[in-house]
Amino acid sequence: MKKTFDFYVAMFLAKCANKSLKLLKRNASYFPGNLALKICPKFLAQVDKPGIIIGVTGTNGKTTVSNMINDILIDNGYKVINNRYGSNMNTGIAASFVENNTLSGKNKNDIAVFEMDERSTVHIFKYITPTYLICNNISRDSIKRNANTAFIADIINNAIPRNTTLITNGDDPICVDLARENNKIYYGIDKLDTDTEKCENIVQDMVLCPECGTKLEYEYYRYHHVGKMHCQNCDFKTPNMNYEITKINYEDKKITIKDNSNKTEYEYSMITDGIINIYNMLAAITVLKQIGLSDEKISQSLKKTKIVDTRFMVDEAGGKKIVLHLAKGQNPIACSRAFDYVRKQPERKTIILLLDDLHEENEVITWLYDADYEFLNGENVEQIIVSGRRAKDTVVRLLMAGVPKEKISLERNEAESVRKHFSPQDIESVYILYDLYSIKERDDVLKEVKTILEKQ
């Protein structure tokens, strides 16, 4: 699209704002893009873009997958524009172009990798056509933000350009049903020993076939609606995978990925052993192979990467393991996945819950009853410490899940809850589960935990 006068004005003033904010040591991830779009509403249409654009959307894992792709591309010499440190809405993407393009709007990069909020795709795709769009999952999220899965799937379906290749999780039937007319590449994980005949979760977001309304039949469940399924009345089913994990070796931290187009297999080192992050790895590897990187190059670069500390981190103090795991308040599926990860760790443990979503007011507590708190009712859980504004509601939910009252400690202040109640004598590990917007509180709690453990 030809650049208009208001585009040049928008780029100039947005670059000035970007520079000023950086001099003031302020976050320039949102405002410059917002300014550019207000001055020139078609800024994203007119700015020059790289030949390859990778979008990453979905309910959970957007940041992890985007960062993984960025790190591997940069490690292999590509010049990448991304919104890694900014908003995942249209304003954040505009700010990324302000930061990376020239004053005249010229592109200087080989590839763009953009994390995209699901609801913002309708605004982004008006002006940007991704070469590839990754959708790792669609599941129940905050009712206030995202309503329900059908609402989000409908937004993506109505927004996605016809020429975009969709790379999606073939084990997630909601993802399978997306963009029926687009070229699609599926990835998935073959049957695991931990898969079950019945769904163990409270929430199962797809029960009926989206094509004919018949109840879906599952060969096995992995979690929630993810697994292997088929419709008994029509041809809707789990598709054949283009890329498939055929083996997970938890002891050696290895996964084997089969490329079904050429029947080759390659062994990768796992970054972490949680099933969600294994899916995240597979999503990143799939798109990187599509743009031409070899298994060898991807594998070597993956060994240098790790999940960002705001998502997952392992620490140690006093000879005891400390695991910090993002759980996302108001998001029952993210919490259930974190709870499931914790319950499958065999050691005796204390669990500290910091699940208030401090980004929003917390009037809506229905998500507590969609999250699988029952997973925390284990014999190897010695203690659960709960804090925050909604701590009493969380305690009620734990009691309803069958957790013995004597195992639960309650304190409104996060750091104070550890100082008053943390008892490390009979445990081997501590799991701190926290919301995305409670990183400061997480760090305060971690400091208190380490202080107590080091004094043992």
Protein backbone atom coordinates (compact mmCIF):
# COMPACT_ATOMS: atom_id res chain seq x y z
CA MET A 1 0.00 0.00 0.00
CA LYS A 2 1.23 3.49 -0.88
CA LYS A 3 2.36 5.50 2.13
CA THR A 4 0.31 8.58 2.94
CA PHE A 5 1.41 11.83 4.57
CA ASP A 6 -0.19 10.87 7.89
CA PHE A 7 1.91 7.68 7.90
CA TYR A 8 5.16 9.66 7.85
CA VAL A 9 3.86 11.98 10.57
CA ALA A 10 2.83 8.96 12.66
CA MET A 11 6.20 7.23 12.25
CA PHE A 12 8.15 10.40 13.12
CA LEU A 13 6.14 11.23 16.23
CA ALA A 14 5.99 7.58 17.35
CA LYS A 15 9.78 7.29 17.03
CA CYS A 16 10.18 10.48 19.06
CA ALA A 17 7.87 9.04 21.73
CA ASN A 18 9.79 5.76 21.68
CA LYS A 19 13.11 7.55 22.15
CA SER A 20 11.76 9.82 24.90
CA LEU A 21 10.31 6.94 26.88
CA LYS A 22 13.59 5.04 26.70
CA LEU A 23 15.53 8.09 27.90
CA LEU A 24 13.12 8.25 30.83
CA LYS A 25 13.65 4.49 31.36
CA ARG A 26 9.96 3.87 30.78
CA ASN A 27 8.31 0.98 28.96
CA ALA A 28 7.94 1.85 25.25
CA SER A 29 6.10 -1.34 24.32
CA TYR A 30 2.63 0.15 23.88
CA PHE A 31 2.39 3.94 23.69
CA PRO A 32 4.41 4.57 20.47
CA GLY A 33 2.26 2.03 18.60
CA ASN A 34 -0.94 3.46 20.04
CA LEU A 35 0.16 6.95 18.98
CA ALA A 36 1.01 5.77 15.46
CA LEU A 37 -2.39 4.10 15.03
CA LYS A 38 -4.27 7.16 16.30
CA ILE A 39 -2.49 9.44 13.81
CA CYS A 40 -2.61 6.92 10.95
CA PRO A 41 -5.30 4.22 11.45
CA LYS A 42 -3.86 2.25 8.48
CA PHE A 43 -0.30 2.41 9.82
CA LEU A 44 0.01 -1.39 9.90
CA ALA A 45 -1.12 -1.65 6.29
CA GLN A 46 1.42 0.89 5.03
CA VAL A 47 4.53 -0.07 7.00
CA ASP A 48 6.97 -2.37 5.15
CA LYS A 49 7.04 -5.94 6.42
CA PRO A 50 9.40 -8.92 6.12
CA GLY A 51 8.66 -11.61 3.56
CA ILE A 52 7.88 -14.16 6.28
CA ILE A 53 5.52 -13.33 9.15
CA ILE A 54 4.86 -15.86 11.92
CA GLY A 55 1.88 -15.24 14.20
CA VAL A 56 1.38 -17.12 17.47
CA THR A 57 -2.05 -17.18 19.12
CA GLY A 58 -4.16 -19.42 21.36
CA THR A 59 -5.20 -19.50 25.00
CA ASN A 60 -1.98 -20.65 26.69
CA GLY A 61 1.67 -20.76 25.63
CA LYS A 62 1.78 -17.80 23.22
CA THR A 63 4.70 -16.09 24.94
CA THR A 64 6.71 -19.28 25.43
CA VAL A 65 6.31 -20.39 21.79
CA SER A 66 7.05 -16.90 20.41
CA ASN A 67 10.18 -16.51 22.52
CA MET A 68 11.40 -19.97 21.56
CA ILE A 69 11.02 -19.21 17.84
CA ASN A 70 12.72 -15.82 18.27
CA ASP A 71 15.69 -17.25 20.14
CA ILE A 72 16.29 -20.03 17.61
CA LEU A 73 15.98 -17.73 14.59
CA ILE A 74 18.38 -15.16 16.07
CA ASP A 75 20.82 -17.92 17.04
CA ASN A 76 20.81 -19.00 13.39
CA GLY A 77 21.64 -15.53 12.09
CA TYR A 78 18.21 -14.21 11.14
CA LYS A 79 17.25 -10.59 11.72
CA VAL A 80 13.92 -10.79 13.55
CA ILE A 81 11.30 -8.17 14.40
CA ASN A 82 9.10 -9.19 17.31
CA ASN A 83 6.89 -7.89 20.11
CA ARG A 84 8.74 -9.92 22.74
CA TYR A 85 8.89 -7.03 25.18
CA GLY A 86 5.60 -5.44 24.25
CA SER A 87 1.87 -5.80 24.00
CA ASN A 88 0.42 -8.70 22.01
CA MET A 89 -2.33 -6.47 20.59
CA ASN A 90 -2.29 -4.32 17.44
CA THR A 91 -0.75 -1.41 19.35
CA GLY A 92 2.17 -3.57 20.51
CA ILE A 93 2.81 -4.85 16.99
CA ALA A 94 2.72 -1.28 15.67
CA ALA A 95 5.24 -0.32 18.37
CA SER A 96 7.52 -3.12 17.17
CA PHE A 97 7.51 -1.68 13.64
CA VAL A 98 8.21 1.81 15.05
CA GLU A 99 11.20 0.37 16.92
CA ASN A 100 12.61 -1.70 14.05
CA ASN A 101 11.75 0.04 10.78
CA THR A 102 13.40 3.16 9.38
CA LEU A 103 11.90 6.65 9.64
CA SER A 104 10.44 6.17 6.16
CA GLY A 105 8.89 2.85 7.21
CA LYS A 106 11.36 0.59 5.40
CA ASN A 107 11.83 -2.93 6.75
CA LYS A 108 15.27 -4.03 7.99
CA ASN A 109 14.51 -7.61 9.05
CA ASP A 110 14.24 -11.11 7.55
CA ILE A 111 11.33 -12.47 9.56
CA ALA A 112 8.64 -11.15 11.90
CA VAL A 113 7.44 -13.19 14.89
CA PHE A 114 4.41 -11.74 16.64
CA GLU A 115 2.55 -13.03 19.66
CA MET A 116 -1.10 -12.19 19.03
CA ASP A 117 -3.92 -11.93 21.54
CA GLU A 118 -6.82 -14.02 20.26
CA ARG A 119 -9.35 -11.18 20.40
CA SER A 120 -6.94 -8.76 18.70
CA THR A 121 -6.52 -10.94 15.61
CA VAL A 122 -9.60 -9.27 14.10
CA HIS A 123 -7.75 -5.91 14.23
CA ILE A 124 -4.32 -7.26 13.26
CA PHE A 125 -5.33 -9.40 10.30
CA LYS A 126 -7.03 -6.47 8.56
CA TYR A 127 -3.55 -5.21 7.71
CA ILE A 128 -1.14 -8.09 8.31
CA THR A 129 -1.34 -11.50 6.63
CA PRO A 130 0.80 -14.02 8.51
CA THR A 131 2.65 -16.53 6.38
CA TYR A 132 2.09 -18.99 9.22
CA LEU A 133 -0.25 -18.75 12.19
CA ILE A 134 0.39 -21.10 15.12
CA CYS A 135 -2.59 -21.92 17.34
CA ASN A 136 -1.35 -24.15 20.14
CA ASN A 137 -4.65 -24.57 21.98
CA ILE A 138 -8.04 -23.01 22.59
CA SER A 139 -9.47 -23.60 26.03
CA ARG A 140 -11.55 -21.95 28.72
CA ASP A 141 -10.04 -18.68 29.96
CA SER A 142 -11.18 -15.71 32.03
CA ILE A 143 -14.93 -15.27 31.60
CA LYS A 144 -14.56 -11.49 31.76
CA ARG A 145 -11.88 -11.39 29.05
CA ASN A 146 -12.68 -14.26 26.71
CA ALA A 147 -16.24 -15.47 27.41
CA ASN A 148 -15.96 -19.04 26.05
CA THR A 149 -14.04 -21.13 23.53
CA ALA A 150 -16.69 -20.87 20.79
CA PHE A 151 -16.53 -17.07 21.02
CA ILE A 152 -12.73 -17.06 20.62
CA ALA A 153 -12.72 -19.67 17.83
CA ASP A 154 -15.30 -17.61 15.96
CA ILE A 155 -13.14 -14.48 16.19
CA ILE A 156 -10.10 -16.31 14.80
CA ASN A 157 -12.15 -17.99 12.06
CA ASN A 158 -13.63 -14.68 10.91
CA ALA A 159 -10.26 -12.89 11.05
CA ILE A 160 -7.70 -15.31 9.61
CA PRO A 161 -6.69 -14.48 6.01
CA ARG A 162 -7.36 -17.21 3.45
CA ASN A 163 -3.70 -17.24 2.33
CA THR A 164 -2.31 -17.93 5.82
CA THR A 165 -1.10 -21.45 6.57
CA LEU A 166 -2.46 -22.56 9.95
CA ILE A 167 -0.07 -24.62 12.09
CA THR A 168 -2.10 -26.13 14.87
CA ASN A 169 -2.37 -28.76 17.56
CA GLY A 170 -4.05 -31.79 15.99
CA ASP A 171 -4.78 -33.24 19.44
CA ASP A 172 -7.05 -30.28 20.25
CA PRO A 173 -10.38 -30.69 18.38
CA ILE A 174 -11.24 -26.99 18.74
CA CYS A 175 -8.01 -26.15 16.93
CA VAL A 176 -8.69 -28.87 14.35
CA ASP A 177 -11.99 -27.18 13.50
CA LEU A 178 -10.38 -23.77 12.85
CA ALA A 179 -10.03 -22.26 9.35
CA ARG A 180 -11.45 -25.20 7.42
CA GLU A 181 -10.60 -23.63 4.04
CA ASN A 182 -6.98 -22.78 4.84
CA ASN A 183 -3.88 -24.85 4.23
CA LYS A 184 -3.19 -26.60 7.56
CA ILE A 185 -0.22 -28.33 9.15
CA TYR A 186 -0.91 -30.50 12.19
CA TYR A 187 1.40 -31.50 15.02
CA GLY A 188 0.64 -33.79 17.95
CA ILE A 189 1.83 -36.37 20.45
CA ASP A 190 1.24 -40.11 20.08
CA LYS A 191 -0.55 -42.00 22.85
CA LEU A 192 1.14 -41.73 26.26
CA ASP A 193 1.08 -44.12 29.21
CA THR A 194 -0.56 -41.35 31.26
CA ASP A 195 -3.51 -40.95 28.86
CA THR A 196 -6.87 -42.10 30.25
CA GLU A 197 -10.07 -43.69 28.98
CA LYS A 198 -12.20 -41.09 30.79
CA CYS A 199 -11.66 -37.36 31.19
CA GLU A 200 -10.22 -36.62 34.65
CA ASN A 201 -10.95 -32.90 34.46
CA ILE A 202 -13.97 -30.88 35.49
CA VAL A 203 -13.94 -28.93 32.22
CA GLN A 204 -14.23 -30.50 28.78
CA ASP A 205 -14.76 -27.68 26.29
CA MET A 206 -15.66 -29.74 23.22
CA VAL A 207 -18.10 -32.60 23.73
CA LEU A 208 -20.13 -32.46 20.51
CA CYS A 209 -18.97 -32.66 16.92
CA PRO A 210 -18.77 -29.10 15.48
CA GLU A 211 -19.99 -30.35 12.09
CA CYS A 212 -23.05 -32.44 12.95
CA GLY A 213 -23.63 -32.11 16.72
CA THR A 214 -23.12 -35.80 17.53
CA LYS A 215 -21.31 -36.63 20.75
CA LEU A 216 -17.61 -37.16 20.12
CA GLU A 217 -16.09 -40.51 21.01
CA TYR A 218 -12.60 -40.51 22.48
CA GLU A 219 -10.06 -43.30 22.10
CA TYR A 220 -8.19 -41.62 24.97
CA TYR A 221 -8.03 -38.34 26.87
CA ARG A 222 -4.83 -36.44 27.64
CA TYR A 223 -6.44 -33.58 29.50
CA HIS A 224 -9.71 -31.69 29.18
CA HIS A 225 -10.82 -32.00 25.51
CA VAL A 226 -7.31 -32.81 24.26
CA GLY A 227 -6.78 -36.40 23.10
CA LYS A 228 -7.70 -38.67 20.21
CA MET A 229 -11.33 -38.48 19.11
CA HIS A 230 -13.73 -39.07 16.24
CA CYS A 231 -17.35 -38.38 15.42
CA GLN A 232 -19.55 -41.44 15.12
CA ASN A 233 -21.77 -39.77 12.52
CA CYS A 234 -19.45 -37.85 10.15
CA ASP A 235 -15.79 -37.62 9.14
CA PHE A 236 -14.66 -35.14 11.84
CA LYS A 237 -11.76 -36.72 13.76
CA THR A 238 -8.24 -36.27 15.07
CA PRO A 239 -6.25 -35.73 11.86
CA ASN A 240 -3.10 -37.47 10.67
CA MET A 241 -0.17 -35.48 11.99
CA ASN A 242 2.50 -33.86 9.84
CA TYR A 243 4.85 -33.76 12.83
CA GLU A 244 4.39 -36.15 15.73
CA ILE A 245 6.18 -36.90 18.98
CA THR A 246 6.43 -40.68 19.04
CA LYS A 247 8.44 -41.06 22.25
CA ILE A 248 8.98 -39.04 25.44
CA ASN A 249 11.87 -40.17 27.61
CA TYR A 250 11.41 -38.36 30.92
CA GLU A 251 14.45 -39.98 32.50
CA ASP A 252 16.88 -38.78 29.81
CA LYS A 253 14.87 -35.60 29.05
CA LYS A 254 14.51 -36.51 25.36
CA ILE A 255 11.67 -36.45 22.84
CA THR A 256 11.56 -38.13 19.43
CA ILE A 257 9.78 -36.23 16.65
CA LYS A 258 8.68 -37.94 13.46
CA ASP A 259 8.32 -35.94 10.25
CA ASN A 260 5.58 -37.91 8.51
CA SER A 261 6.17 -36.22 5.16
CA ASN A 262 9.51 -38.00 4.73
CA LYS A 263 9.22 -40.67 7.47
CA THR A 264 12.31 -39.42 9.33
CA GLU A 265 12.77 -39.16 13.10
CA TYR A 266 14.97 -36.89 15.18
CA GLU A 267 15.69 -36.79 18.91
CA TYR A 268 15.51 -33.47 20.74
CA SER A 269 16.41 -32.51 24.31
CA MET A 270 13.45 -31.34 26.40
CA ILE A 271 13.54 -27.83 27.83
CA THR A 272 11.14 -28.81 30.64
CA ASP A 273 9.12 -31.95 31.28
CA GLY A 274 5.62 -30.44 31.54
CA ILE A 275 3.27 -31.64 28.79
CA ILE A 276 2.19 -28.10 27.89
CA ASN A 277 5.78 -27.04 27.27
CA ILE A 278 6.41 -30.21 25.27
CA TYR A 279 3.54 -29.09 23.02
CA ASN A 280 5.08 -25.60 22.96
CA MET A 281 8.41 -27.05 21.82
CA LEU A 282 6.70 -29.08 19.10
CA ALA A 283 4.81 -26.02 17.81
CA ALA A 284 8.04 -24.00 17.54
CA ILE A 285 9.94 -26.85 15.87
CA THR A 286 7.13 -27.35 13.35
CA VAL A 287 7.14 -23.76 12.08
CA LEU A 288 10.95 -23.59 12.06
CA LYS A 289 11.13 -26.70 9.89
CA GLN A 290 8.54 -25.16 7.56
CA ILE A 291 10.76 -22.14 6.92
CA GLY A 292 13.73 -24.38 6.17
CA LEU A 293 15.76 -24.89 9.33
CA SER A 294 17.18 -28.37 9.75
CA ASP A 295 16.61 -30.60 12.79
CA GLU A 296 20.31 -30.27 13.62
CA LYS A 297 20.26 -26.46 13.67
CA ILE A 298 17.00 -26.29 15.65
CA SER A 299 18.28 -28.84 18.16
CA GLN A 300 21.57 -27.04 18.74
CA SER A 301 19.79 -23.73 19.28
CA LEU A 302 17.15 -25.26 21.56
CA LYS A 303 19.90 -26.46 23.89
CA LYS A 304 20.77 -22.79 24.51
CA THR A 305 17.22 -21.71 25.30
CA LYS A 306 15.05 -22.01 28.37
CA ILE A 307 11.54 -21.13 29.46
CA VAL A 308 11.53 -17.50 30.63
CA ASP A 309 11.72 -17.10 34.40
CA THR A 310 8.28 -15.47 34.57
CA ARG A 311 6.80 -18.76 33.31
CA PHE A 312 8.82 -21.50 34.97
CA MET A 313 11.93 -21.63 37.12
CA VAL A 314 13.68 -24.15 39.37
CA ASP A 315 15.71 -22.93 42.36
CA GLU A 316 17.21 -24.52 45.47
CA ALA A 317 17.88 -23.63 49.08
CA GLY A 318 18.85 -25.66 52.11
CA GLY A 319 19.15 -28.77 49.96
CA LYS A 320 15.50 -28.58 48.92
CA LYS A 321 14.06 -27.94 45.46
CA ILE A 322 11.94 -24.84 44.81
CA VAL A 323 9.77 -24.82 41.67
CA LEU A 324 8.10 -21.62 40.49
CA HIS A 325 5.29 -22.37 38.02
CA LEU A 326 2.98 -19.87 36.33
CA ALA A 327 -0.66 -20.84 36.89
CA LYS A 328 -2.66 -17.74 35.75
CA GLY A 329 -5.52 -16.72 37.99
CA GLN A 330 -8.95 -16.53 36.34
CA ASN A 331 -7.75 -19.22 33.89
CA PRO A 332 -8.98 -22.63 35.09
CA ILE A 333 -7.18 -24.65 32.41
CA ALA A 334 -3.78 -23.06 33.07
CA CYS A 335 -4.25 -23.66 36.79
CA SER A 336 -5.37 -27.25 36.25
CA ARG A 337 -2.31 -27.94 34.09
CA ALA A 338 -0.06 -26.52 36.83
CA PHE A 339 -1.90 -28.53 39.51
CA ASP A 340 -1.56 -31.68 37.40
CA TYR A 341 2.17 -31.09 36.98
CA VAL A 342 2.60 -30.71 40.75
CA ARG A 343 0.59 -33.81 41.62
CA LYS A 344 2.73 -35.96 39.31
CA GLN A 345 5.95 -35.01 41.10
CA PRO A 346 6.52 -37.83 43.62
CA GLU A 347 8.38 -36.02 46.42
CA ARG A 348 6.81 -34.71 49.63
CA LYS A 349 6.00 -31.06 49.15
CA THR A 350 4.58 -27.74 50.30
CA ILE A 351 2.41 -25.84 47.80
CA ILE A 352 2.12 -22.05 47.97
CA LEU A 353 -0.78 -20.52 46.00
CA LEU A 354 -0.59 -16.88 44.78
CA LEU A 355 -3.42 -16.99 42.24
CA ASP A 356 -5.04 -13.56 42.51
CA ASP A 357 -5.13 -11.87 39.11
CA LEU A 358 -3.82 -8.48 40.23
CA HIS A 359 -4.34 -7.11 36.69
CA GLU A 360 -8.10 -7.16 37.16
CA GLU A 361 -10.63 -6.80 39.92
CA ASN A 362 -11.42 -10.22 41.31
CA GLU A 363 -15.20 -10.24 41.64
CA VAL A 364 -15.61 -13.27 39.37
CA ILE A 365 -14.72 -16.47 41.23
CA THR A 366 -16.54 -19.02 39.09
CA TRP A 367 -13.19 -20.09 37.59
CA LEU A 368 -12.25 -21.62 40.96
CA TYR A 369 -14.93 -24.26 40.38
CA ASP A 370 -13.71 -25.03 36.86
CA ALA A 371 -10.11 -25.58 38.03
CA ASP A 372 -9.10 -29.05 39.23
CA TYR A 373 -8.19 -28.28 42.84
CA GLU A 374 -8.80 -31.96 43.51
CA PHE A 375 -5.34 -32.59 42.01
CA LEU A 376 -3.83 -30.88 45.10
CA ASN A 377 -5.41 -33.40 47.46
CA GLY A 378 -2.48 -35.81 47.52
CA GLU A 379 -0.90 -37.83 50.31
CA ASN A 380 2.52 -36.38 49.49
CA VAL A 381 1.24 -32.80 49.92
CA GLU A 382 2.18 -31.84 53.47
CA GLN A 383 0.98 -28.25 53.44
CA ILE A 384 -0.86 -25.72 51.24
CA ILE A 385 -0.32 -22.04 52.01
CA VAL A 386 -2.90 -19.64 50.56
CA SER A 387 -2.69 -15.83 50.44
CA GLY A 388 -4.06 -12.80 48.60
CA ARG A 389 -7.34 -10.91 48.44
CA ARG A 390 -9.33 -13.99 47.43
CA ALA A 391 -7.56 -16.38 49.80
CA LYS A 392 -10.73 -17.31 51.70
CA ASP A 393 -12.50 -18.27 48.48
CA THR A 394 -9.52 -20.46 47.54
CA VAL A 395 -9.62 -22.15 50.97
CA VAL A 396 -13.33 -22.96 50.47
CA ARG A 397 -12.52 -24.50 47.10
CA LEU A 398 -9.67 -26.58 48.60
CA LEU A 399 -11.98 -27.86 51.32
CA MET A 400 -14.58 -28.78 48.69
CA ALA A 401 -11.81 -30.66 46.86
CA GLY A 402 -11.29 -32.79 49.97
CA VAL A 403 -8.03 -31.26 51.17
CA PRO A 404 -7.85 -31.77 54.97
CA LYS A 405 -8.35 -28.50 56.86
CA GLU A 406 -5.22 -29.08 58.94
CA LYS A 407 -3.05 -28.97 55.81
CA ILE A 408 -4.28 -25.48 54.81
CA SER A 409 -2.82 -22.21 56.11
CA LEU A 410 -4.32 -18.81 55.30
CA GLU A 411 -2.89 -15.28 55.41
CA ARG A 412 -3.90 -12.28 53.30
CA ASN A 413 -0.35 -10.92 52.86
CA GLU A 414 1.76 -13.12 50.58
CA ALA A 415 5.18 -12.78 52.25
CA GLU A 416 3.68 -12.85 55.73
CA SER A 417 1.91 -16.11 54.93
CA VAL A 418 5.29 -17.80 54.49
CA ARG A 419 6.89 -16.21 57.54
CA LYS A 420 3.99 -17.33 59.74
CA HIS A 421 3.09 -20.73 58.34
CA PHE A 422 5.84 -22.32 56.24
CA SER A 423 7.02 -25.54 57.91
CA PRO A 424 9.81 -27.23 55.91
CA GLN A 425 10.74 -30.09 58.23
CA ASP A 426 8.97 -32.97 56.49
CA ILE A 427 9.25 -31.90 52.85
CA GLU A 428 11.65 -32.33 49.94
CA SER A 429 10.37 -29.54 47.71
CA VAL A 430 8.32 -26.34 47.53
CA TYR A 431 6.01 -25.43 44.62
CA ILE A 432 5.07 -21.76 44.26
CA LEU A 433 2.13 -21.33 41.86
CA TYR A 434 1.48 -17.74 40.85
CA ASP A 435 -0.41 -15.48 38.49
CA LEU A 436 1.20 -13.60 35.59
CA TYR A 437 0.54 -10.28 37.33
CA SER A 438 1.90 -11.30 40.74
CA ILE A 439 5.59 -11.61 39.86
CA LYS A 440 6.61 -9.17 42.61
CA GLU A 441 4.62 -11.15 45.19
CA ARG A 442 6.17 -14.36 43.85
CA ASP A 443 9.65 -12.93 44.32
CA ASP A 444 8.81 -11.77 47.86
CA VAL A 445 7.56 -15.25 48.71
CA LEU A 446 10.61 -16.90 47.14
CA LYS A 447 12.90 -14.73 49.25
CA GLU A 448 11.07 -15.72 52.44
CA VAL A 449 11.10 -19.42 51.50
CA LYS A 450 14.85 -19.39 50.80
CA THR A 451 15.57 -17.52 54.04
CA ILE A 452 13.71 -20.13 56.09
CA LEU A 453 15.23 -23.10 54.24
CA GLU A 454 18.78 -21.75 54.58
CA LYS A 455 18.34 -21.41 58.35
CA GLN A 456 17.44 -25.07 58.81
